[in-house]
N, C-alpha and C. Protein backbone atom coordinates (compact mmCIF):
# COMPACT_ATOMS: atom_id res chain seq x y z
N UNK A 1 0.90 -1.05 0.08
CA UNK A 1 0.09 0.00 0.06
C UNK A 1 0.85 1.15 -0.05
N UNK A 2 0.38 2.16 -0.78
CA UNK A 2 1.33 3.43 -0.76
C UNK A 2 0.58 4.60 -0.56
N UNK A 3 1.10 5.64 -0.06
CA UNK A 3 0.50 6.87 0.14
C UNK A 3 0.18 7.61 -1.06
N UNK A 4 -1.14 8.14 -1.36
CA UNK A 4 -1.38 8.78 -2.62
C UNK A 4 -0.59 9.71 -2.99
N UNK A 5 -0.25 9.80 -4.23
CA UNK A 5 0.84 10.77 -4.72
C UNK A 5 2.41 10.26 -4.67
N UNK A 6 2.39 9.36 -3.85
CA UNK A 6 3.89 8.79 -3.73
C UNK A 6 4.00 7.49 -4.36
N UNK A 7 5.12 7.59 -5.42
CA UNK A 7 5.26 6.39 -6.20
C UNK A 7 6.46 5.55 -5.52
N UNK A 8 6.31 4.25 -5.40
CA UNK A 8 7.16 3.38 -4.82
C UNK A 8 8.30 3.01 -5.92
N UNK A 9 9.59 3.43 -5.85
CA UNK A 9 10.59 3.22 -6.77
C UNK A 9 10.52 1.64 -7.10
N UNK A 10 10.76 1.29 -8.38
CA UNK A 10 10.87 -0.24 -8.69
C UNK A 10 12.43 -0.46 -8.87
N UNK A 11 13.04 -1.15 -7.86
CA UNK A 11 14.42 -1.67 -7.84
C UNK A 11 14.55 -3.07 -8.34
N UNK A 12 15.56 -3.28 -9.04
CA UNK A 12 15.85 -4.71 -9.51
C UNK A 12 17.03 -5.02 -8.68
N UNK A 13 16.91 -6.19 -8.02
CA UNK A 13 17.91 -6.68 -7.13
C UNK A 13 18.60 -8.07 -7.75
N UNK A 14 19.83 -8.16 -7.61
CA UNK A 14 20.41 -9.48 -7.97
C UNK A 14 20.36 -10.46 -6.84
N UNK A 15 19.89 -11.56 -7.17
CA UNK A 15 19.83 -12.65 -6.00
C UNK A 15 21.09 -12.85 -5.16
N UNK A 16 20.91 -13.04 -4.07
CA UNK A 16 22.03 -13.34 -2.84
C UNK A 16 22.94 -12.33 -3.11
N UNK A 17 22.56 -10.99 -2.81
CA UNK A 17 23.65 -9.97 -2.90
C UNK A 17 23.17 -8.93 -1.86
N UNK A 18 24.26 -8.12 -1.33
CA UNK A 18 24.01 -7.13 -0.25
C UNK A 18 23.93 -5.87 -0.84
N UNK A 19 23.10 -5.07 -0.28
CA UNK A 19 23.08 -3.55 -0.63
C UNK A 19 23.08 -2.57 0.35
N UNK A 20 23.34 -1.38 0.29
CA UNK A 20 22.96 -0.34 0.99
C UNK A 20 21.73 0.21 0.69
N UNK A 21 21.05 0.89 1.55
CA UNK A 21 19.74 1.37 0.99
C UNK A 21 19.41 2.73 1.97
N UNK A 22 18.60 3.44 1.18
CA UNK A 22 17.91 4.67 1.80
C UNK A 22 16.20 4.24 1.89
N UNK A 23 15.79 4.48 3.01
CA UNK A 23 14.40 3.99 3.18
C UNK A 23 13.56 5.26 3.88
N UNK A 24 12.19 5.22 3.96
CA UNK A 24 11.37 6.14 4.53
C UNK A 24 10.18 5.40 5.04
N UNK A 25 9.46 6.00 6.09
CA UNK A 25 8.36 5.49 6.71
C UNK A 25 7.30 6.10 6.12
N UNK A 26 6.18 5.56 5.69
CA UNK A 26 4.82 6.24 5.25
C UNK A 26 3.63 6.02 6.07
N UNK A 27 3.85 5.38 7.39
CA UNK A 27 2.89 5.09 8.33
C UNK A 27 2.32 6.45 8.95
N UNK A 28 1.12 6.74 8.67
CA UNK A 28 0.50 8.08 9.36
C UNK A 28 0.76 7.92 10.92
N UNK A 29 1.22 9.02 11.51
CA UNK A 29 1.38 9.09 12.94
C UNK A 29 2.65 8.56 13.53
N UNK A 30 3.32 7.76 12.58
CA UNK A 30 4.63 7.28 13.26
C UNK A 30 5.69 8.45 13.28
N UNK A 31 6.39 8.40 14.40
CA UNK A 31 7.34 9.45 14.56
C UNK A 31 8.51 9.59 13.60
N UNK A 32 8.75 8.36 12.61
CA UNK A 32 9.72 8.38 11.78
C UNK A 32 9.06 8.76 10.35
N UNK A 33 7.86 9.06 10.26
CA UNK A 33 7.05 9.13 8.97
C UNK A 33 7.79 10.41 8.13
N UNK A 34 8.18 9.98 6.97
CA UNK A 34 8.48 11.12 6.09
C UNK A 34 10.01 11.19 6.23
N UNK A 35 10.95 10.78 7.12
CA UNK A 35 12.12 10.93 7.36
C UNK A 35 13.04 9.69 6.53
N UNK A 36 14.04 10.21 6.12
CA UNK A 36 14.97 9.32 5.26
C UNK A 36 16.11 8.77 6.09
N UNK A 37 16.19 7.35 5.99
CA UNK A 37 17.24 6.85 6.78
C UNK A 37 18.03 6.07 5.83
N UNK A 38 19.41 5.97 6.17
CA UNK A 38 20.34 5.17 5.73
C UNK A 38 20.46 3.75 6.41
N UNK A 39 20.41 2.71 5.36
CA UNK A 39 20.72 1.18 6.18
C UNK A 39 21.85 0.77 5.37
N UNK A 40 22.86 0.43 6.08
CA UNK A 40 24.12 0.04 5.57
C UNK A 40 24.18 -1.27 4.95
N UNK A 41 23.41 -2.15 5.31
CA UNK A 41 23.16 -3.60 4.69
C UNK A 41 21.94 -4.06 4.46
N UNK A 42 21.40 -4.41 3.38
CA UNK A 42 20.17 -5.14 3.10
C UNK A 42 20.54 -6.29 2.18
N UNK A 43 20.04 -7.54 2.57
CA UNK A 43 20.19 -8.61 1.70
C UNK A 43 19.07 -8.75 0.67
N UNK A 44 19.37 -9.21 -0.48
CA UNK A 44 18.32 -9.26 -1.61
C UNK A 44 17.54 -10.62 -1.53
N UNK A 45 17.97 -11.68 -0.75
CA UNK A 45 17.22 -12.80 -0.72
C UNK A 45 17.34 -13.60 -2.26
N UNK A 46 16.21 -13.77 -2.73
CA UNK A 46 16.21 -14.53 -4.09
C UNK A 46 16.04 -13.38 -5.42
N UNK A 47 16.27 -12.06 -4.94
CA UNK A 47 16.21 -10.99 -5.92
C UNK A 47 14.92 -10.43 -6.13
N UNK A 48 13.74 -11.07 -5.68
CA UNK A 48 12.39 -10.51 -5.68
C UNK A 48 12.22 -9.37 -4.72
N UNK A 49 11.83 -8.22 -5.35
CA UNK A 49 11.78 -7.13 -4.37
C UNK A 49 10.60 -7.27 -3.22
N UNK A 50 9.71 -8.23 -3.33
CA UNK A 50 8.85 -8.24 -2.26
C UNK A 50 9.30 -8.98 -1.06
N UNK A 51 10.55 -9.60 -1.24
CA UNK A 51 11.10 -10.14 -0.17
C UNK A 51 12.20 -9.33 0.44
N UNK A 52 12.64 -8.16 -0.13
CA UNK A 52 13.46 -7.29 0.47
C UNK A 52 12.77 -6.16 1.31
N UNK A 53 13.06 -6.47 2.44
CA UNK A 53 12.17 -5.63 3.59
C UNK A 53 13.13 -4.97 4.56
N UNK A 54 12.67 -3.79 5.12
CA UNK A 54 13.24 -2.92 6.20
C UNK A 54 12.06 -2.54 7.09
N UNK A 55 12.09 -3.09 8.32
CA UNK A 55 10.98 -2.80 9.16
C UNK A 55 11.32 -1.63 10.05
N UNK A 56 10.46 -0.77 10.24
CA UNK A 56 10.61 0.58 11.12
C UNK A 56 10.68 0.11 12.57
N UNK A 57 11.66 0.63 13.14
CA UNK A 57 11.79 0.05 14.70
C UNK A 57 10.84 0.80 15.60
N UNK A 58 9.88 1.90 15.22
CA UNK A 58 9.15 2.39 16.13
C UNK A 58 7.66 1.83 15.73
N UNK A 59 7.15 1.96 14.48
CA UNK A 59 5.80 1.56 14.38
C UNK A 59 5.66 0.18 13.98
N UNK A 60 6.65 -0.57 13.64
CA UNK A 60 6.67 -2.04 13.32
C UNK A 60 6.16 -2.17 11.75
N UNK A 61 6.02 -1.23 10.95
CA UNK A 61 5.57 -1.36 9.78
C UNK A 61 6.74 -1.46 8.70
N UNK A 62 6.52 -1.97 7.61
CA UNK A 62 7.37 -2.13 6.57
C UNK A 62 7.78 -0.71 5.98
N UNK A 63 9.11 -0.34 5.80
CA UNK A 63 9.38 1.07 5.23
C UNK A 63 9.53 0.91 3.82
N UNK A 64 9.52 1.90 3.17
CA UNK A 64 9.69 1.93 1.75
C UNK A 64 11.14 2.28 1.36
N UNK A 65 11.67 1.30 0.40
CA UNK A 65 13.13 1.46 0.08
C UNK A 65 13.13 2.29 -1.09
N UNK A 66 13.78 3.52 -1.02
CA UNK A 66 13.78 4.53 -1.90
C UNK A 66 15.01 4.36 -2.97
N UNK A 67 16.36 3.79 -2.35
CA UNK A 67 17.25 3.63 -3.29
C UNK A 67 17.92 2.51 -2.81
N UNK A 68 18.73 1.69 -3.60
CA UNK A 68 19.51 0.50 -3.15
C UNK A 68 20.83 0.54 -4.03
N UNK A 69 21.93 0.33 -3.37
CA UNK A 69 23.21 0.39 -3.98
C UNK A 69 23.91 -0.92 -3.66
N UNK A 70 24.33 -1.48 -4.70
CA UNK A 70 25.09 -2.91 -4.45
C UNK A 70 26.43 -2.60 -3.76
N UNK A 71 26.67 -3.42 -2.80
CA UNK A 71 28.05 -3.18 -2.08
C UNK A 71 29.03 -3.83 -2.80
N UNK A 72 30.18 -2.93 -2.96
CA UNK A 72 31.39 -3.46 -3.59
C UNK A 72 32.41 -3.10 -2.84
N UNK A 73 33.22 -4.00 -2.23
CA UNK A 73 32.98 -5.39 -2.34
C UNK A 73 31.90 -5.96 -1.54
N UNK A 74 31.46 -7.30 -2.04
CA UNK A 74 30.28 -7.86 -1.17
C UNK A 74 30.99 -8.25 0.11
N UNK A 75 30.20 -8.50 1.27
CA UNK A 75 30.83 -9.04 2.49
C UNK A 75 31.16 -10.49 2.30
N UNK A 76 32.32 -10.88 2.95
CA UNK A 76 32.65 -12.31 2.79
C UNK A 76 31.60 -13.31 3.40
N UNK A 77 31.43 -14.34 2.63
CA UNK A 77 30.53 -15.48 3.18
C UNK A 77 31.16 -16.10 4.54
N UNK A 78 30.17 -16.28 5.27
CA UNK A 78 30.58 -17.01 6.60
C UNK A 78 30.52 -18.69 6.58
């Protein structure tokens, strides 16, 4: 669900890849609503955008990923 007048960007992810991201909360009444936050590491899972998620620590709702930049180099596998 998106806020009227706010388009969620379509981001293509490579499977099994780490990204840094900027995110925003669009939950009405949340103290983080409208702020833009940097997330240093997000995992792409299978590359499907519906599985790439960042949860707001205040309202516990999913945040909107605005940008994603592939980390180079990728973190080492453990």
